[in-house]
Amino acid sequence: MKITDTSSSDDFEEVDDVLDGFNLTHAERSRIEDRTAGLLALDSCLRDLRIAAGIRQTDVARAMDVTKSAVSQLEARGMLDAKLSTLTRYFAGLGYQIDITLTPIDA
């Protein structure tokens, strides 16, 4: 499944402002921008995946044994601030399991 970047251009403008203060090569700046775009996309992908699966928050909440409000809060926080155990239960509620792969950042 492709995850669409739904972040605002303001997020990238802030990153550009910070990067302007450093003497970076084009390749270094591109790598940082690509990584930032990926991280920003993670913030919206929980909700995107659930909607694409056609599953309501209420159903995920029932599967996780939490309230609908808890699911809403998790989706609003995004994956970067969630515990792995919580994400495992969330994705199980969507019918997925988590497989973790480690790859070098520079790859």
Protein backbone atom coordinates (compact mmCIF):
# COMPACT_ATOMS: atom_id res chain seq x y z
CA MET A 1 0.00 0.00 0.00
CA LYS A 2 1.30 3.42 -0.90
CA ILE A 3 1.14 6.01 1.86
CA THR A 4 0.42 9.48 0.58
CA ASP A 5 2.23 12.41 2.13
CA THR A 6 -0.53 14.56 3.58
CA SER A 7 1.72 16.94 5.48
CA SER A 8 1.43 20.62 4.80
CA SER A 9 4.03 22.61 2.92
CA ASP A 10 4.56 24.59 6.15
CA ASP A 11 6.32 21.53 7.61
CA PHE A 12 8.82 21.56 4.76
CA GLU A 13 9.29 25.30 4.96
CA GLU A 14 10.31 24.90 8.61
CA VAL A 15 12.80 22.17 7.65
CA ASP A 16 14.19 24.36 4.87
CA ASP A 17 14.62 27.24 7.31
CA VAL A 18 16.63 25.03 9.66
CA LEU A 19 18.72 23.50 6.87
CA ASP A 20 19.57 26.93 5.48
CA GLY A 21 21.72 27.47 8.57
CA PHE A 22 24.03 24.59 7.61
CA ASN A 23 26.59 24.23 4.84
CA LEU A 24 25.24 21.05 3.20
CA THR A 25 25.95 19.48 -0.15
CA HIS A 26 23.00 18.95 -2.46
CA ALA A 27 23.14 15.20 -1.78
CA GLU A 28 23.14 15.71 2.01
CA ARG A 29 20.24 18.12 1.85
CA SER A 30 18.26 15.80 -0.42
CA ARG A 31 18.82 12.86 1.92
CA ILE A 32 17.64 14.91 4.91
CA GLU A 33 14.59 16.16 3.02
CA ASP A 34 13.69 12.62 1.90
CA ARG A 35 14.01 11.29 5.45
CA THR A 36 11.92 14.19 6.79
CA ALA A 37 9.19 13.55 4.23
CA GLY A 38 9.10 9.91 5.28
CA LEU A 39 8.82 10.80 8.95
CA LEU A 40 6.07 13.34 8.28
CA ALA A 41 4.16 10.75 6.24
CA LEU A 42 4.26 8.36 9.19
CA ASP A 43 2.22 10.84 11.20
CA SER A 44 -0.82 10.39 8.98
CA CYS A 45 -0.50 6.80 7.87
CA LEU A 46 -2.39 5.15 10.77
CA ARG A 47 -5.64 6.86 9.81
CA ASP A 48 -4.91 6.40 6.09
CA LEU A 49 -4.38 2.65 6.52
CA ARG A 50 -7.54 2.23 8.59
CA ILE A 51 -9.64 4.14 6.07
CA ALA A 52 -8.13 2.22 3.14
CA ALA A 53 -9.00 -1.02 4.93
CA GLY A 54 -12.58 0.20 5.33
CA ILE A 55 -12.51 -0.24 9.10
CA ARG A 56 -14.17 2.15 11.55
CA GLN A 57 -12.40 3.51 14.62
CA THR A 58 -15.06 1.80 16.73
CA ASP A 59 -14.09 -1.59 15.30
CA VAL A 60 -10.39 -1.01 15.92
CA ALA A 61 -11.15 0.15 19.46
CA ARG A 62 -13.15 -3.01 20.13
CA ALA A 63 -10.31 -5.19 18.78
CA MET A 64 -7.77 -3.32 20.95
CA ASP A 65 -10.10 -3.31 23.98
CA VAL A 66 -9.86 0.48 24.27
CA THR A 67 -12.22 3.38 23.67
CA LYS A 68 -12.84 4.98 20.29
CA SER A 69 -11.33 8.13 21.79
CA ALA A 70 -8.08 6.25 22.49
CA VAL A 71 -7.89 5.16 18.85
CA SER A 72 -8.57 8.72 17.71
CA GLN A 73 -5.79 10.01 19.97
CA LEU A 74 -3.37 7.36 18.68
CA GLU A 75 -4.12 8.30 15.08
CA ALA A 76 -3.65 11.97 15.89
CA ARG A 77 -0.27 11.36 17.57
CA GLY A 78 1.04 9.19 14.77
CA MET A 79 3.39 6.24 14.81
CA LEU A 80 6.47 8.11 15.93
CA ASP A 81 5.07 8.71 19.41
CA ALA A 82 3.35 5.35 19.92
CA LYS A 83 4.58 2.30 21.80
CA LEU A 84 5.34 -0.75 19.70
CA SER A 85 2.90 -2.81 21.76
CA THR A 86 0.12 -0.30 21.02
CA LEU A 87 0.92 -0.29 17.31
CA THR A 88 0.95 -4.10 17.29
CA ARG A 89 -2.58 -4.15 18.74
CA TYR A 90 -3.76 -1.38 16.40
CA PHE A 91 -2.50 -3.15 13.29
CA ALA A 92 -3.90 -6.48 14.51
CA GLY A 93 -7.26 -4.69 14.68
CA LEU A 94 -6.78 -3.84 11.00
CA GLY A 95 -5.81 -7.41 10.16
CA TYR A 96 -2.06 -6.83 9.89
CA GLN A 97 0.98 -7.95 11.81
CA ILE A 98 4.14 -5.93 12.27
CA ASP A 99 7.40 -7.23 10.83
CA ILE A 100 10.47 -5.22 11.76
CA THR A 101 13.42 -4.94 9.40
CA LEU A 102 16.61 -3.09 10.23
CA THR A 103 18.42 -1.33 7.40
CA PRO A 104 21.26 1.16 7.52
CA ILE A 105 20.08 4.77 7.23
CA ASP A 106 22.64 5.47 4.51
CA ALA A 107 21.37 2.58 2.35
